[in-house]
Amino acid sequence: MRPAPRVLGLLVAALLLGAPPVPLDPYPSPSLRDLLPYPPAKREALVARHLANKASLHLLFGEKAARAYDRLLRLELANQQSGKRSAFATAEEALEAAHRFLLAIGQAVRKAPVNLEGLPMAPHHVLPHAQEIRAAAHALGLPPGVLAAIVDNEQHGGDKALGLSRGVREVADGIALTLGEAPFSRTLGLAQMSWEDALRQEERLHRFGAWDPARPFPRTELEAREALEDPYLNLLFTASRLRGYFNALLSLPPEDTRPLEDPWLYYLGPAWHNYPLRAQNLETWDDSFNGFFKGLLYQVVLEGYWTLQGRRLLPLKPLGPGSLEAPSPPVPHLFP
């Protein structure tokens, strides 16, 4: 259901003025079988597959995460049937994508090698900045996996040959600078955070005690752009804007600084960061759907030690006093 014009107008005004968006209406929860217009045998097979995915996530992350997955899948299927924007064309594709991610999440939870083949992920951009991701997320009371999923979405988009994310922005910036014009892009850095939004985060960052009082807060476009080139500050500004969204969406007062842990944040974070108007309209797309599972996966990965080899994440055991294991062979290590 599309938001009323007044609600949409309030959202646009809020975004332009830097205020967090209006809270969402409750997500619909239609019958799963009503969302699967297939012959009975095929419909029941798809229901069984969904329930298997849900049960797997329940074992891995608990009941709330399983319910969040169920909510996301129903939203995706509802969009497919209504003709709204959806991440996939069919239920089979959505369930298969979820299944592939769940296999990788299960491997990570078991500290086994994680096979990322076929998953739209860019861990080589995320893991080198794991410390900054954790620090920025914790400073604003967010799960680190949410912030990591946003970085992955933005950087994976830039890695695609015809991606419309980082890659195109960097080319456009280069052309604009060559012509002596103002830079084309308004977003920069790891999370592609806009410099305008960065300038609006001062009050919230001070409220959370997240800003170094010895560092002057940026006041101009140039100062904001320079700050956003710093990976940690880029993530800190991103986490601050995200926390503003979350407090509004969860009907929390702006001054509420308690840590947030609801698994639905793994969907809301990538969706609202990437395209707030689509998120407000309850649409689904690749970055929002995949972002949910990326967030869960990175939440596990960022708690351990891993090395990336090709499209596989290999677990590492830190050596220290009392360890009986021999050091691993020399390979490129990424320590989240």
C-alpha atoms as a PDB file:
ATOM      1  CA  MET A   1       0.000   0.000   0.000  1.00  0.00           C
ATOM      2  CA  ARG A   2       1.477   3.356  -1.024  1.00  0.00           C
ATOM      3  CA  PRO A   3       1.818   6.005   1.688  1.00  0.00           C
ATOM      4  CA  ALA A   4      -0.670   8.869   1.669  1.00  0.00           C
ATOM      5  CA  PRO A   5       0.530  12.001  -0.150  1.00  0.00           C
ATOM      6  CA  ARG A   6       0.732  13.872   3.157  1.00  0.00           C
ATOM      7  CA  VAL A   7       2.966  11.187   4.677  1.00  0.00           C
ATOM      8  CA  LEU A   8       5.196  11.152   1.617  1.00  0.00           C
ATOM      9  CA  GLY A   9       5.385  14.934   1.709  1.00  0.00           C
ATOM     10  CA  LEU A  10       6.415  14.875   5.345  1.00  0.00           C
ATOM     11  CA  LEU A  11       9.128  12.355   4.546  1.00  0.00           C
ATOM     12  CA  VAL A  12      10.560  14.463   1.717  1.00  0.00           C
ATOM     13  CA  ALA A  13      10.486  17.554   3.895  1.00  0.00           C
ATOM     14  CA  ALA A  14      12.157  15.684   6.735  1.00  0.00           C
ATOM     15  CA  LEU A  15      14.931  14.435   4.493  1.00  0.00           C
ATOM     16  CA  LEU A  16      15.553  17.900   3.059  1.00  0.00           C
ATOM     17  CA  LEU A  17      15.649  19.486   6.490  1.00  0.00           C
ATOM     18  CA  GLY A  18      17.855  16.792   7.962  1.00  0.00           C
ATOM     19  CA  ALA A  19      15.259  15.462  10.413  1.00  0.00           C
ATOM     20  CA  PRO A  20      14.628  11.733  10.713  1.00  0.00           C
ATOM     21  CA  PRO A  21      11.734  10.391   8.619  1.00  0.00           C
ATOM     22  CA  VAL A  22       8.233   9.769   9.909  1.00  0.00           C
ATOM     23  CA  PRO A  23       7.639   6.321  11.454  1.00  0.00           C
ATOM     24  CA  LEU A  24       6.486   3.553   9.160  1.00  0.00           C
ATOM     25  CA  ASP A  25       3.048   2.064   9.323  1.00  0.00           C
ATOM     26  CA  PRO A  26       3.079  -1.575  10.520  1.00  0.00           C
ATOM     27  CA  TYR A  27       4.186  -3.989   7.813  1.00  0.00           C
ATOM     28  CA  PRO A  28       1.378  -6.211   6.475  1.00  0.00           C
ATOM     29  CA  SER A  29       1.550  -9.915   7.255  1.00  0.00           C
ATOM     30  CA  PRO A  30      -0.583 -11.668   4.643  1.00  0.00           C
ATOM     31  CA  SER A  31      -1.063 -15.419   4.482  1.00  0.00           C
ATOM     32  CA  LEU A  32       1.973 -17.077   2.935  1.00  0.00           C
ATOM     33  CA  ARG A  33      -0.090 -19.369   0.744  1.00  0.00           C
ATOM     34  CA  ASP A  34      -2.107 -16.429  -0.557  1.00  0.00           C
ATOM     35  CA  LEU A  35       1.185 -14.959  -1.779  1.00  0.00           C
ATOM     36  CA  LEU A  36       2.063 -18.083  -3.767  1.00  0.00           C
ATOM     37  CA  PRO A  37      -0.359 -18.329  -6.738  1.00  0.00           C
ATOM     38  CA  TYR A  38       0.872 -21.709  -7.928  1.00  0.00           C
ATOM     39  CA  PRO A  39      -0.673 -25.172  -8.316  1.00  0.00           C
ATOM     40  CA  PRO A  40      -1.121 -26.837  -4.908  1.00  0.00           C
ATOM     41  CA  ALA A  41       1.875 -29.185  -5.161  1.00  0.00           C
ATOM     42  CA  LYS A  42       4.298 -26.425  -6.149  1.00  0.00           C
ATOM     43  CA  ARG A  43       2.825 -24.023  -3.613  1.00  0.00           C
ATOM     44  CA  GLU A  44       3.285 -26.509  -0.759  1.00  0.00           C
ATOM     45  CA  ALA A  45       6.858 -27.224  -1.877  1.00  0.00           C
ATOM     46  CA  LEU A  46       7.645 -23.512  -1.721  1.00  0.00           C
ATOM     47  CA  VAL A  47       5.993 -23.199   1.691  1.00  0.00           C
ATOM     48  CA  ALA A  48       8.090 -26.120   2.924  1.00  0.00           C
ATOM     49  CA  ARG A  49      11.265 -24.495   1.619  1.00  0.00           C
ATOM     50  CA  HIS A  50      10.428 -21.219   3.311  1.00  0.00           C
ATOM     51  CA  LEU A  51       9.704 -22.971   6.605  1.00  0.00           C
ATOM     52  CA  ALA A  52      13.012 -24.832   6.321  1.00  0.00           C
ATOM     53  CA  ASN A  53      14.849 -21.538   5.823  1.00  0.00           C
ATOM     54  CA  LYS A  54      13.010 -20.046   8.774  1.00  0.00           C
ATOM     55  CA  ALA A  55      13.824 -23.030  10.975  1.00  0.00           C
ATOM     56  CA  SER A  56      17.498 -22.818  10.015  1.00  0.00           C
ATOM     57  CA  LEU A  57      17.671 -19.158  10.951  1.00  0.00           C
ATOM     58  CA  HIS A  58      15.849 -19.887  14.205  1.00  0.00           C
ATOM     59  CA  LEU A  59      18.572 -22.380  15.130  1.00  0.00           C
ATOM     60  CA  LEU A  60      21.345 -19.995  14.123  1.00  0.00           C
ATOM     61  CA  PHE A  61      20.082 -16.661  15.497  1.00  0.00           C
ATOM     62  CA  GLY A  62      16.929 -17.306  17.488  1.00  0.00           C
ATOM     63  CA  GLU A  63      13.205 -16.667  17.168  1.00  0.00           C
ATOM     64  CA  LYS A  64      13.358 -12.908  16.523  1.00  0.00           C
ATOM     65  CA  ALA A  65      15.734 -13.324  13.579  1.00  0.00           C
ATOM     66  CA  ALA A  66      13.537 -16.064  12.137  1.00  0.00           C
ATOM     67  CA  ARG A  67      10.493 -13.814  12.406  1.00  0.00           C
ATOM     68  CA  ALA A  68      12.398 -10.977  10.728  1.00  0.00           C
ATOM     69  CA  TYR A  69      13.248 -13.283   7.804  1.00  0.00           C
ATOM     70  CA  ASP A  70       9.610 -14.367   7.559  1.00  0.00           C
ATOM     71  CA  ARG A  71       8.544 -10.725   7.522  1.00  0.00           C
ATOM     72  CA  LEU A  72      11.015  -9.879   4.763  1.00  0.00           C
ATOM     73  CA  LEU A  73      10.043 -12.860   2.608  1.00  0.00           C
ATOM     74  CA  ARG A  74       6.328 -12.040   2.872  1.00  0.00           C
ATOM     75  CA  LEU A  75       7.039  -8.414   1.959  1.00  0.00           C
ATOM     76  CA  GLU A  76       9.040  -9.539  -1.080  1.00  0.00           C
ATOM     77  CA  LEU A  77       6.306 -11.944  -2.202  1.00  0.00           C
ATOM     78  CA  ALA A  78       3.598  -9.327  -1.668  1.00  0.00           C
ATOM     79  CA  ASN A  79       5.536  -6.913  -3.867  1.00  0.00           C
ATOM     80  CA  GLN A  80       5.927  -9.550  -6.571  1.00  0.00           C
ATOM     81  CA  GLN A  81       2.179 -10.128  -6.640  1.00  0.00           C
ATOM     82  CA  SER A  82       1.149  -6.466  -6.471  1.00  0.00           C
ATOM     83  CA  GLY A  83       3.530  -5.274  -9.158  1.00  0.00           C
ATOM     84  CA  LYS A  84       5.531  -3.062  -6.818  1.00  0.00           C
ATOM     85  CA  ARG A  85       9.312  -3.042  -6.982  1.00  0.00           C
ATOM     86  CA  SER A  86      10.673  -6.407  -5.791  1.00  0.00           C
ATOM     87  CA  ALA A  87      14.145  -7.894  -5.529  1.00  0.00           C
ATOM     88  CA  PHE A  88      13.219 -10.958  -7.605  1.00  0.00           C
ATOM     89  CA  ALA A  89      10.723 -11.906 -10.277  1.00  0.00           C
ATOM     90  CA  THR A  90       9.591 -15.173  -8.676  1.00  0.00           C
ATOM     91  CA  ALA A  91       9.226 -16.790  -5.278  1.00  0.00           C
ATOM     92  CA  GLU A  92      11.675 -19.515  -6.286  1.00  0.00           C
ATOM     93  CA  GLU A  93      14.415 -16.949  -6.906  1.00  0.00           C
ATOM     94  CA  ALA A  94      13.836 -15.238  -3.555  1.00  0.00           C
ATOM     95  CA  LEU A  95      13.840 -18.510  -1.625  1.00  0.00           C
ATOM     96  CA  GLU A  96      16.970 -19.723  -3.415  1.00  0.00           C
ATOM     97  CA  ALA A  97      18.809 -16.478  -2.652  1.00  0.00           C
ATOM     98  CA  ALA A  98      17.818 -16.720   1.005  1.00  0.00           C
ATOM     99  CA  HIS A  99      18.945 -20.350   1.113  1.00  0.00           C
ATOM    100  CA  ARG A 100      22.388 -19.539  -0.315  1.00  0.00           C
ATOM    101  CA  PHE A 101      22.922 -16.822   2.258  1.00  0.00           C
ATOM    102  CA  LEU A 102      21.755 -19.091   5.079  1.00  0.00           C
ATOM    103  CA  LEU A 103      24.273 -21.742   4.067  1.00  0.00           C
ATOM    104  CA  ALA A 104      27.064 -19.176   4.400  1.00  0.00           C
ATOM    105  CA  ILE A 105      25.693 -17.858   7.710  1.00  0.00           C
ATOM    106  CA  GLY A 106      25.544 -21.396   9.089  1.00  0.00           C
ATOM    107  CA  GLN A 107      29.151 -22.019   8.073  1.00  0.00           C
ATOM    108  CA  ALA A 108      30.231 -18.800   9.802  1.00  0.00           C
ATOM    109  CA  VAL A 109      28.351 -19.638  13.000  1.00  0.00           C
ATOM    110  CA  ARG A 110      30.059 -23.063  13.059  1.00  0.00           C
ATOM    111  CA  LYS A 111      33.465 -21.399  12.442  1.00  0.00           C
ATOM    112  CA  ALA A 112      33.825 -23.451   9.263  1.00  0.00           C
ATOM    113  CA  PRO A 113      35.156 -22.164   5.926  1.00  0.00           C
ATOM    114  CA  VAL A 114      32.507 -19.867   4.430  1.00  0.00           C
ATOM    115  CA  ASN A 115      31.785 -20.299   0.729  1.00  0.00           C
ATOM    116  CA  LEU A 116      30.828 -16.924  -0.778  1.00  0.00           C
ATOM    117  CA  GLU A 117      30.671 -18.171  -4.363  1.00  0.00           C
ATOM    118  CA  GLY A 118      27.576 -16.806  -6.078  1.00  0.00           C
ATOM    119  CA  LEU A 119      26.774 -14.339  -3.282  1.00  0.00           C
ATOM    120  CA  PRO A 120      26.701 -10.620  -4.224  1.00  0.00           C
ATOM    121  CA  MET A 121      29.233  -9.609  -1.585  1.00  0.00           C
ATOM    122  CA  ALA A 122      32.443  -7.577  -1.387  1.00  0.00           C
ATOM    123  CA  PRO A 123      34.171  -8.704   1.838  1.00  0.00           C
ATOM    124  CA  HIS A 124      37.539  -7.447   0.539  1.00  0.00           C
ATOM    125  CA  HIS A 125      36.176  -3.924   1.027  1.00  0.00           C
ATOM    126  CA  VAL A 126      34.614  -4.624   4.426  1.00  0.00           C
ATOM    127  CA  LEU A 127      37.060  -6.700   6.461  1.00  0.00           C
ATOM    128  CA  PRO A 128      40.033  -4.314   6.270  1.00  0.00           C
ATOM    129  CA  HIS A 129      37.823  -1.742   8.036  1.00  0.00           C
ATOM    130  CA  ALA A 130      36.323  -4.090  10.602  1.00  0.00           C
ATOM    131  CA  GLN A 131      37.697  -2.197  13.587  1.00  0.00           C
ATOM    132  CA  GLU A 132      36.274   1.095  12.342  1.00  0.00           C
ATOM    133  CA  ILE A 133      32.915  -0.556  11.601  1.00  0.00           C
ATOM    134  CA  ARG A 134      32.690  -2.020  15.083  1.00  0.00           C
ATOM    135  CA  ALA A 135      33.740   1.230  16.770  1.00  0.00           C
ATOM    136  CA  ALA A 136      31.326   3.427  14.805  1.00  0.00           C
ATOM    137  CA  ALA A 137      28.404   1.029  15.271  1.00  0.00           C
ATOM    138  CA  HIS A 138      28.954   0.658  19.016  1.00  0.00           C
ATOM    139  CA  ALA A 139      29.303   4.440  19.405  1.00  0.00           C
ATOM    140  CA  LEU A 140      25.702   4.845  18.185  1.00  0.00           C
ATOM    141  CA  GLY A 141      24.316   1.690  19.811  1.00  0.00           C
ATOM    142  CA  LEU A 142      23.905  -0.306  16.574  1.00  0.00           C
ATOM    143  CA  PRO A 143      24.771  -3.903  15.638  1.00  0.00           C
ATOM    144  CA  PRO A 144      28.055  -3.786  13.644  1.00  0.00           C
ATOM    145  CA  GLY A 145      26.581  -6.143  11.050  1.00  0.00           C
ATOM    146  CA  VAL A 146      24.120  -3.463   9.960  1.00  0.00           C
ATOM    147  CA  LEU A 147      26.902  -1.004   9.169  1.00  0.00           C
ATOM    148  CA  ALA A 148      29.023  -3.709   7.507  1.00  0.00           C
ATOM    149  CA  ALA A 149      26.112  -4.652   5.221  1.00  0.00           C
ATOM    150  CA  ILE A 150      25.778  -1.022   4.119  1.00  0.00           C
ATOM    151  CA  VAL A 151      29.481  -0.816   3.268  1.00  0.00           C
ATOM    152  CA  ASP A 152      29.256  -4.103   1.361  1.00  0.00           C
ATOM    153  CA  ASN A 153      26.222  -2.953  -0.623  1.00  0.00           C
ATOM    154  CA  GLU A 154      27.825   0.331  -1.625  1.00  0.00           C
ATOM    155  CA  GLN A 155      31.217  -1.134  -2.471  1.00  0.00           C
ATOM    156  CA  HIS A 156      29.815  -4.179  -4.272  1.00  0.00           C
ATOM    157  CA  GLY A 157      27.769  -1.853  -6.446  1.00  0.00           C
ATOM    158  CA  GLY A 158      30.901   0.070  -7.306  1.00  0.00           C
ATOM    159  CA  ASP A 159      32.749  -3.111  -8.236  1.00  0.00           C
ATOM    160  CA  LYS A 160      30.191  -4.118 -10.868  1.00  0.00           C
ATOM    161  CA  ALA A 161      31.206  -3.275 -14.430  1.00  0.00           C
ATOM    162  CA  LEU A 162      28.068  -1.187 -15.005  1.00  0.00           C
ATOM    163  CA  GLY A 163      27.333  -0.472 -11.357  1.00  0.00           C
ATOM    164  CA  LEU A 164      25.535   2.754 -10.517  1.00  0.00           C
ATOM    165  CA  SER A 165      27.158   3.111  -7.126  1.00  0.00           C
ATOM    166  CA  ARG A 166      30.772   3.889  -6.273  1.00  0.00           C
ATOM    167  CA  GLY A 167      32.228   3.238  -9.725  1.00  0.00           C
ATOM    168  CA  VAL A 168      30.029   5.666 -11.652  1.00  0.00           C
ATOM    169  CA  ARG A 169      30.321   8.298  -8.935  1.00  0.00           C
ATOM    170  CA  GLU A 170      34.112   8.163  -9.024  1.00  0.00           C
ATOM    171  CA  VAL A 171      34.187   8.450 -12.829  1.00  0.00           C
ATOM    172  CA  ALA A 172      31.733  11.355 -12.752  1.00  0.00           C
ATOM    173  CA  ASP A 173      33.787  13.108 -10.093  1.00  0.00           C
ATOM    174  CA  GLY A 174      36.918  12.692 -12.188  1.00  0.00           C
ATOM    175  CA  ILE A 175      35.255  14.148 -15.287  1.00  0.00           C
ATOM    176  CA  ALA A 176      33.809  17.059 -13.330  1.00  0.00           C
ATOM    177  CA  LEU A 177      37.163  17.901 -11.774  1.00  0.00           C
ATOM    178  CA  THR A 178      38.886  17.651 -15.167  1.00  0.00           C
ATOM    179  CA  LEU A 179      36.416  20.180 -16.566  1.00  0.00           C
ATOM    180  CA  GLY A 180      37.021  22.464 -13.613  1.00  0.00           C
ATOM    181  CA  GLU A 181      33.461  22.073 -12.349  1.00  0.00           C
ATOM    182  CA  ALA A 182      32.177  21.268  -8.887  1.00  0.00           C
ATOM    183  CA  PRO A 183      32.300  17.541  -8.053  1.00  0.00           C
ATOM    184  CA  PHE A 184      29.250  15.679  -9.350  1.00  0.00           C
ATOM    185  CA  SER A 185      28.886  13.286  -6.450  1.00  0.00           C
ATOM    186  CA  ARG A 186      27.328  14.300  -3.172  1.00  0.00           C
ATOM    187  CA  THR A 187      28.247  10.999  -1.501  1.00  0.00           C
ATOM    188  CA  LEU A 188      31.710   9.835  -0.550  1.00  0.00           C
ATOM    189  CA  GLY A 189      33.740   7.106   1.051  1.00  0.00           C
ATOM    190  CA  LEU A 190      33.123   3.624   2.349  1.00  0.00           C
ATOM    191  CA  ALA A 191      29.395   3.997   2.956  1.00  0.00           C
ATOM    192  CA  GLN A 192      28.801   6.632   0.264  1.00  0.00           C
ATOM    193  CA  MET A 193      27.623   9.103   2.885  1.00  0.00           C
ATOM    194  CA  SER A 194      26.449  12.504   1.677  1.00  0.00           C
ATOM    195  CA  TRP A 195      28.385  15.532   2.860  1.00  0.00           C
ATOM    196  CA  GLU A 196      25.125  17.443   3.460  1.00  0.00           C
ATOM    197  CA  ASP A 197      23.871  14.764   5.839  1.00  0.00           C
ATOM    198  CA  ALA A 198      27.262  14.636   7.571  1.00  0.00           C
ATOM    199  CA  LEU A 199      26.936  18.303   8.506  1.00  0.00           C
ATOM    200  CA  ARG A 200      23.588  17.564  10.187  1.00  0.00           C
ATOM    201  CA  GLN A 201      24.900  14.940  12.625  1.00  0.00           C
ATOM    202  CA  GLU A 202      26.573  17.188  15.220  1.00  0.00           C
ATOM    203  CA  GLU A 203      23.794  17.247  17.802  1.00  0.00           C
ATOM    204  CA  ARG A 204      23.244  13.478  17.738  1.00  0.00           C
ATOM    205  CA  LEU A 205      26.946  12.645  17.851  1.00  0.00           C
ATOM    206  CA  HIS A 206      27.411  14.890  20.898  1.00  0.00           C
ATOM    207  CA  ARG A 207      24.322  13.383  22.525  1.00  0.00           C
ATOM    208  CA  PHE A 208      25.822   9.891  22.213  1.00  0.00           C
ATOM    209  CA  GLY A 209      29.247  11.095  23.334  1.00  0.00           C
ATOM    210  CA  ALA A 210      30.572   9.775  20.031  1.00  0.00           C
ATOM    211  CA  TRP A 211      32.427  12.881  18.806  1.00  0.00           C
ATOM    212  CA  ASP A 212      35.954  13.635  19.965  1.00  0.00           C
ATOM    213  CA  PRO A 213      35.643  17.051  21.676  1.00  0.00           C
ATOM    214  CA  ALA A 214      39.218  17.849  20.672  1.00  0.00           C
ATOM    215  CA  ARG A 215      38.287  17.612  16.973  1.00  0.00           C
ATOM    216  CA  PRO A 216      36.459  20.593  15.419  1.00  0.00           C
ATOM    217  CA  PHE A 217      33.189  19.551  13.836  1.00  0.00           C
ATOM    218  CA  PRO A 218      33.070  20.221  10.058  1.00  0.00           C
ATOM    219  CA  ARG A 219      31.167  23.374   9.095  1.00  0.00           C
ATOM    220  CA  THR A 220      31.576  23.582   5.325  1.00  0.00           C
ATOM    221  CA  GLU A 221      31.226  21.316   2.317  1.00  0.00           C
ATOM    222  CA  LEU A 222      35.000  21.102   1.954  1.00  0.00           C
ATOM    223  CA  GLU A 223      35.486  20.186   5.614  1.00  0.00           C
ATOM    224  CA  ALA A 224      32.702  17.589   5.423  1.00  0.00           C
ATOM    225  CA  ARG A 225      34.196  16.046   2.289  1.00  0.00           C
ATOM    226  CA  GLU A 226      37.617  15.839   3.914  1.00  0.00           C
ATOM    227  CA  ALA A 227      36.113  14.201   6.998  1.00  0.00           C
ATOM    228  CA  LEU A 228      34.230  11.650   4.900  1.00  0.00           C
ATOM    229  CA  GLU A 229      37.472  10.493   3.303  1.00  0.00           C
ATOM    230  CA  ASP A 230      38.489   9.211   6.732  1.00  0.00           C
ATOM    231  CA  PRO A 231      37.032   5.645   6.983  1.00  0.00           C
ATOM    232  CA  TYR A 232      36.105   5.909  10.653  1.00  0.00           C
ATOM    233  CA  LEU A 233      34.460   9.323  10.369  1.00  0.00           C
ATOM    234  CA  ASN A 234      32.601   8.194   7.250  1.00  0.00           C
ATOM    235  CA  LEU A 235      31.183   5.265   9.191  1.00  0.00           C
ATOM    236  CA  LEU A 236      30.491   7.396  12.255  1.00  0.00           C
ATOM    237  CA  PHE A 237      28.426   9.921  10.269  1.00  0.00           C
ATOM    238  CA  THR A 238      26.628   7.035   8.544  1.00  0.00           C
ATOM    239  CA  ALA A 239      25.841   5.338  11.853  1.00  0.00           C
ATOM    240  CA  SER A 240      24.557   8.630  13.286  1.00  0.00           C
ATOM    241  CA  ARG A 241      22.152   9.248  10.404  1.00  0.00           C
ATOM    242  CA  LEU A 242      21.040   5.621  10.632  1.00  0.00           C
ATOM    243  CA  ARG A 243      20.369   5.963  14.348  1.00  0.00           C
ATOM    244  CA  GLY A 244      18.162   8.956  13.604  1.00  0.00           C
ATOM    245  CA  TYR A 245      16.146   6.848  11.168  1.00  0.00           C
ATOM    246  CA  PHE A 246      15.875   3.981  13.635  1.00  0.00           C
ATOM    247  CA  ASN A 247      14.697   6.100  16.548  1.00  0.00           C
ATOM    248  CA  ALA A 248      11.965   7.563  14.337  1.00  0.00           C
ATOM    249  CA  LEU A 249      10.954   4.206  12.821  1.00  0.00           C
ATOM    250  CA  LEU A 250      10.821   2.537  16.239  1.00  0.00           C
ATOM    251  CA  SER A 251       8.926   5.505  17.784  1.00  0.00           C
ATOM    252  CA  LEU A 252      11.799   6.277  20.158  1.00  0.00           C
ATOM    253  CA  PRO A 253      12.499   9.846  21.295  1.00  0.00           C
ATOM    254  CA  PRO A 254      15.548  11.524  19.708  1.00  0.00           C
ATOM    255  CA  GLU A 255      17.370  11.536  23.036  1.00  0.00           C
ATOM    256  CA  ASP A 256      17.060   7.738  23.447  1.00  0.00           C
ATOM    257  CA  THR A 257      20.621   6.360  23.324  1.00  0.00           C
ATOM    258  CA  ARG A 258      19.996   2.778  24.411  1.00  0.00           C
ATOM    259  CA  PRO A 259      21.644   0.057  22.264  1.00  0.00           C
ATOM    260  CA  LEU A 260      19.346  -1.396  19.589  1.00  0.00           C
ATOM    261  CA  GLU A 261      19.380  -5.135  18.901  1.00  0.00           C
ATOM    262  CA  ASP A 262      16.220  -6.058  16.971  1.00  0.00           C
ATOM    263  CA  PRO A 263      17.126  -8.328  13.977  1.00  0.00           C
ATOM    264  CA  TRP A 264      14.756  -6.306  11.758  1.00  0.00           C
ATOM    265  CA  LEU A 265      17.454  -3.618  11.831  1.00  0.00           C
ATOM    266  CA  TYR A 266      19.481  -5.777   9.442  1.00  0.00           C
ATOM    267  CA  TYR A 267      16.806  -5.044   6.849  1.00  0.00           C
ATOM    268  CA  LEU A 268      15.960  -1.469   7.831  1.00  0.00           C
ATOM    269  CA  GLY A 269      19.577  -0.276   7.851  1.00  0.00           C
ATOM    270  CA  PRO A 270      20.594  -1.196   4.293  1.00  0.00           C
ATOM    271  CA  ALA A 271      17.148  -0.271   2.946  1.00  0.00           C
ATOM    272  CA  TRP A 272      16.879   3.189   4.499  1.00  0.00           C
ATOM    273  CA  HIS A 273      20.518   4.059   3.819  1.00  0.00           C
ATOM    274  CA  ASN A 274      20.344   3.015   0.170  1.00  0.00           C
ATOM    275  CA  TYR A 275      16.940   4.424  -0.836  1.00  0.00           C
ATOM    276  CA  PRO A 276      14.702   5.937   1.870  1.00  0.00           C
ATOM    277  CA  LEU A 277      11.744   6.631  -0.432  1.00  0.00           C
ATOM    278  CA  ARG A 278      11.619   3.015  -1.612  1.00  0.00           C
ATOM    279  CA  ALA A 279      11.869   1.819   1.980  1.00  0.00           C
ATOM    280  CA  GLN A 280       9.043   4.156   3.017  1.00  0.00           C
ATOM    281  CA  ASN A 281       6.933   2.749   0.183  1.00  0.00           C
ATOM    282  CA  LEU A 282       7.546  -0.839   1.417  1.00  0.00           C
ATOM    283  CA  GLU A 283       9.339  -1.781  -1.795  1.00  0.00           C
ATOM    284  CA  THR A 284      12.083  -4.403  -1.911  1.00  0.00           C
ATOM    285  CA  TRP A 285      15.168  -4.480  -4.123  1.00  0.00           C
ATOM    286  CA  ASP A 286      18.517  -6.254  -4.240  1.00  0.00           C
ATOM    287  CA  ASP A 287      20.346  -4.039  -1.725  1.00  0.00           C
ATOM    288  CA  SER A 288      17.518  -4.212   0.808  1.00  0.00           C
ATOM    289  CA  PHE A 289      16.808  -7.943   0.475  1.00  0.00           C
ATOM    290  CA  ASN A 290      20.438  -9.030   0.314  1.00  0.00           C
ATOM    291  CA  GLY A 291      21.408  -6.481   2.947  1.00  0.00           C
ATOM    292  CA  PHE A 292      19.388  -8.318   5.592  1.00  0.00           C
ATOM    293  CA  PHE A 293      21.383 -11.515   5.128  1.00  0.00           C
ATOM    294  CA  LYS A 294      24.690  -9.689   4.719  1.00  0.00           C
ATOM    295  CA  GLY A 295      24.076  -8.008   8.066  1.00  0.00           C
ATOM    296  CA  LEU A 296      23.504 -11.328   9.816  1.00  0.00           C
ATOM    297  CA  LEU A 297      26.596 -12.839   8.202  1.00  0.00           C
ATOM    298  CA  TYR A 298      28.859  -9.922   9.051  1.00  0.00           C
ATOM    299  CA  GLN A 299      27.528  -9.815  12.595  1.00  0.00           C
ATOM    300  CA  VAL A 300      29.047 -13.281  13.050  1.00  0.00           C
ATOM    301  CA  VAL A 301      32.211 -12.633  11.041  1.00  0.00           C
ATOM    302  CA  LEU A 302      33.058  -9.412  12.882  1.00  0.00           C
ATOM    303  CA  GLU A 303      33.091 -11.318  16.167  1.00  0.00           C
ATOM    304  CA  GLY A 304      35.917 -13.611  15.041  1.00  0.00           C
ATOM    305  CA  TYR A 305      39.144 -13.800  13.058  1.00  0.00           C
ATOM    306  CA  TRP A 306      39.099 -14.669   9.371  1.00  0.00           C
ATOM    307  CA  THR A 307      41.273 -14.657   6.303  1.00  0.00           C
ATOM    308  CA  LEU A 308      39.875 -14.145   2.821  1.00  0.00           C
ATOM    309  CA  GLN A 309      41.092 -16.461   0.079  1.00  0.00           C
ATOM    310  CA  GLY A 310      39.346 -15.924  -3.225  1.00  0.00           C
ATOM    311  CA  ARG A 311      35.641 -16.360  -2.540  1.00  0.00           C
ATOM    312  CA  ARG A 312      36.134 -18.197   0.740  1.00  0.00           C
ATOM    313  CA  LEU A 313      36.414 -16.934   4.286  1.00  0.00           C
ATOM    314  CA  LEU A 314      38.654 -19.151   6.394  1.00  0.00           C
ATOM    315  CA  PRO A 315      38.467 -19.019  10.203  1.00  0.00           C
ATOM    316  CA  LEU A 316      41.617 -18.260  12.170  1.00  0.00           C
ATOM    317  CA  LYS A 317      42.317 -19.097  15.778  1.00  0.00           C
ATOM    318  CA  PRO A 318      44.291 -16.381  17.556  1.00  0.00           C
ATOM    319  CA  LEU A 319      47.502 -17.659  19.089  1.00  0.00           C
ATOM    320  CA  GLY A 320      48.519 -16.722  22.583  1.00  0.00           C
ATOM    321  CA  PRO A 321      49.542 -18.098  25.965  1.00  0.00           C
ATOM    322  CA  GLY A 322      48.276 -21.638  26.366  1.00  0.00           C
ATOM    323  CA  SER A 323      47.715 -22.246  22.678  1.00  0.00           C
ATOM    324  CA  LEU A 324      48.911 -25.650  21.486  1.00  0.00           C
ATOM    325  CA  GLU A 325      48.397 -25.020  17.797  1.00  0.00           C
ATOM    326  CA  ALA A 326      51.159 -24.264  15.325  1.00  0.00           C
ATOM    327  CA  PRO A 327      50.918 -20.957  13.415  1.00  0.00           C
ATOM    328  CA  SER A 328      49.135 -21.054  10.089  1.00  0.00           C
ATOM    329  CA  PRO A 329      51.151 -20.781   6.847  1.00  0.00           C
ATOM    330  CA  PRO A 330      51.798 -17.193   5.772  1.00  0.00           C
ATOM    331  CA  VAL A 331      48.729 -15.952   3.908  1.00  0.00           C
ATOM    332  CA  PRO A 332      47.147 -12.495   3.599  1.00  0.00           C
ATOM    333  CA  HIS A 333      45.232 -12.072   6.863  1.00  0.00           C
ATOM    334  CA  LEU A 334      42.348  -9.770   7.591  1.00  0.00           C
ATOM    335  CA  PHE A 335      41.646  -9.394  11.268  1.00  0.00           C
ATOM    336  CA  PRO A 336      38.221  -7.925  11.932  1.00  0.00           C
END
